[in-house]
Amino acid sequence: MRTRCPKNCQLNFNGKSHALGDIGRTLELSLERVRQIESKALQKLRS
């Protein structure tokens, strides 16, 4: 089971790894909001 993602957690997108903070800055979202979106997406994929 996946543990809670630390600040420097990385996501792979288009074959490249991106830190959640970098994604948040690009989309003008907080790190916490990006983490929430990631968590919700993973939850949907599991169901």
N, C-alpha and C. Protein backbone atom coordinates (compact mmCIF):
# COMPACT_ATOMS: atom_id res chain seq x y z
N MET A 1 0.84 -1.18 0.00
CA MET A 1 0.00 0.00 0.00
C MET A 1 0.89 1.24 0.00
N ARG A 2 0.46 2.24 -0.70
CA ARG A 2 1.22 3.47 -0.84
C ARG A 2 1.14 4.30 0.44
N THR A 3 2.26 4.82 0.87
CA THR A 3 2.27 5.68 2.05
C THR A 3 2.08 7.13 1.63
N ARG A 4 1.82 7.97 2.60
CA ARG A 4 1.63 9.38 2.31
C ARG A 4 2.87 9.96 1.64
N CYS A 5 2.65 10.76 0.65
CA CYS A 5 3.73 11.28 -0.18
C CYS A 5 4.48 12.42 0.51
N PRO A 6 5.80 12.32 0.64
CA PRO A 6 6.57 13.43 1.22
C PRO A 6 6.67 14.60 0.26
N LYS A 7 7.23 15.71 0.74
CA LYS A 7 7.34 16.94 -0.06
C LYS A 7 8.03 16.72 -1.40
N ASN A 8 9.00 15.86 -1.44
CA ASN A 8 9.77 15.67 -2.67
C ASN A 8 9.29 14.48 -3.49
N CYS A 9 8.06 14.05 -3.27
CA CYS A 9 7.49 12.94 -4.02
C CYS A 9 7.49 13.29 -5.52
N GLN A 10 7.64 12.27 -6.35
CA GLN A 10 7.73 12.50 -7.79
C GLN A 10 6.60 11.78 -8.51
N LEU A 11 6.13 12.40 -9.58
CA LEU A 11 5.15 11.78 -10.46
C LEU A 11 5.76 11.64 -11.84
N ASN A 12 5.44 10.56 -12.52
CA ASN A 12 5.92 10.38 -13.89
C ASN A 12 4.83 10.82 -14.84
N PHE A 13 5.19 11.68 -15.78
CA PHE A 13 4.25 12.19 -16.76
C PHE A 13 5.00 12.34 -18.08
N ASN A 14 4.48 11.76 -19.13
CA ASN A 14 5.15 11.78 -20.43
C ASN A 14 6.58 11.25 -20.35
N GLY A 15 6.78 10.24 -19.51
CA GLY A 15 8.10 9.64 -19.39
C GLY A 15 9.10 10.44 -18.59
N LYS A 16 8.66 11.55 -18.01
CA LYS A 16 9.55 12.38 -17.20
C LYS A 16 9.05 12.42 -15.77
N SER A 17 9.97 12.55 -14.84
CA SER A 17 9.63 12.60 -13.43
C SER A 17 9.52 14.06 -12.98
N HIS A 18 8.44 14.38 -12.27
CA HIS A 18 8.19 15.75 -11.81
C HIS A 18 7.86 15.73 -10.33
N ALA A 19 8.44 16.64 -9.57
CA ALA A 19 8.12 16.76 -8.15
C ALA A 19 6.75 17.42 -8.01
N LEU A 20 6.01 17.05 -6.97
CA LEU A 20 4.69 17.63 -6.76
C LEU A 20 4.76 19.15 -6.64
N GLY A 21 5.81 19.65 -6.01
CA GLY A 21 5.97 21.10 -5.89
C GLY A 21 6.12 21.77 -7.24
N ASP A 22 6.85 21.13 -8.15
CA ASP A 22 7.02 21.68 -9.51
C ASP A 22 5.68 21.69 -10.25
N ILE A 23 4.92 20.63 -10.09
CA ILE A 23 3.60 20.57 -10.72
C ILE A 23 2.71 21.67 -10.17
N GLY A 24 2.75 21.85 -8.85
CA GLY A 24 1.96 22.90 -8.23
C GLY A 24 2.32 24.29 -8.72
N ARG A 25 3.59 24.56 -8.85
CA ARG A 25 4.02 25.87 -9.36
C ARG A 25 3.56 26.08 -10.79
N THR A 26 3.66 25.05 -11.62
CA THR A 26 3.23 25.15 -13.01
C THR A 26 1.73 25.42 -13.11
N LEU A 27 0.96 24.73 -12.28
CA LEU A 27 -0.51 24.86 -12.33
C LEU A 27 -1.04 25.91 -11.36
N GLU A 28 -0.13 26.57 -10.64
CA GLU A 28 -0.49 27.58 -9.64
C GLU A 28 -1.40 26.99 -8.56
N LEU A 29 -0.99 25.82 -8.06
CA LEU A 29 -1.69 25.14 -6.98
C LEU A 29 -0.70 24.89 -5.85
N SER A 30 -1.22 24.75 -4.64
CA SER A 30 -0.35 24.44 -3.51
C SER A 30 0.10 22.99 -3.59
N LEU A 31 1.19 22.71 -2.93
CA LEU A 31 1.70 21.34 -2.85
C LEU A 31 0.63 20.42 -2.27
N GLU A 32 -0.05 20.88 -1.25
CA GLU A 32 -1.10 20.07 -0.60
C GLU A 32 -2.23 19.78 -1.57
N ARG A 33 -2.64 20.76 -2.38
CA ARG A 33 -3.74 20.55 -3.33
C ARG A 33 -3.33 19.53 -4.40
N VAL A 34 -2.09 19.61 -4.86
CA VAL A 34 -1.60 18.64 -5.84
C VAL A 34 -1.61 17.24 -5.23
N ARG A 35 -1.19 17.13 -3.97
CA ARG A 35 -1.20 15.84 -3.29
C ARG A 35 -2.63 15.30 -3.17
N GLN A 36 -3.59 16.19 -2.87
CA GLN A 36 -4.99 15.78 -2.75
C GLN A 36 -5.52 15.27 -4.09
N ILE A 37 -5.20 15.96 -5.16
CA ILE A 37 -5.64 15.55 -6.49
C ILE A 37 -5.03 14.20 -6.85
N GLU A 38 -3.74 14.03 -6.55
CA GLU A 38 -3.07 12.76 -6.81
C GLU A 38 -3.74 11.63 -6.03
N SER A 39 -4.02 11.88 -4.77
CA SER A 39 -4.64 10.87 -3.91
C SER A 39 -6.01 10.47 -4.43
N LYS A 40 -6.80 11.45 -4.84
CA LYS A 40 -8.15 11.17 -5.35
C LYS A 40 -8.07 10.38 -6.67
N ALA A 41 -7.13 10.73 -7.53
CA ALA A 41 -6.97 10.02 -8.80
C ALA A 41 -6.57 8.57 -8.57
N LEU A 42 -5.62 8.35 -7.65
CA LEU A 42 -5.20 6.98 -7.34
C LEU A 42 -6.34 6.17 -6.73
N GLN A 43 -7.14 6.82 -5.91
CA GLN A 43 -8.29 6.16 -5.30
C GLN A 43 -9.28 5.71 -6.38
N LYS A 44 -9.51 6.56 -7.37
CA LYS A 44 -10.42 6.20 -8.47
C LYS A 44 -9.86 5.05 -9.29
N LEU A 45 -8.55 5.05 -9.50
CA LEU A 45 -7.94 3.97 -10.27
C LEU A 45 -8.04 2.63 -9.56
N ARG A 46 -8.00 2.66 -8.24
CA ARG A 46 -8.07 1.42 -7.46
C ARG A 46 -9.48 0.83 -7.43
N SER A 47 -10.49 1.66 -7.63
CA SER A 47 -11.88 1.16 -7.52
C SER A 47 -12.43 0.70 -8.84
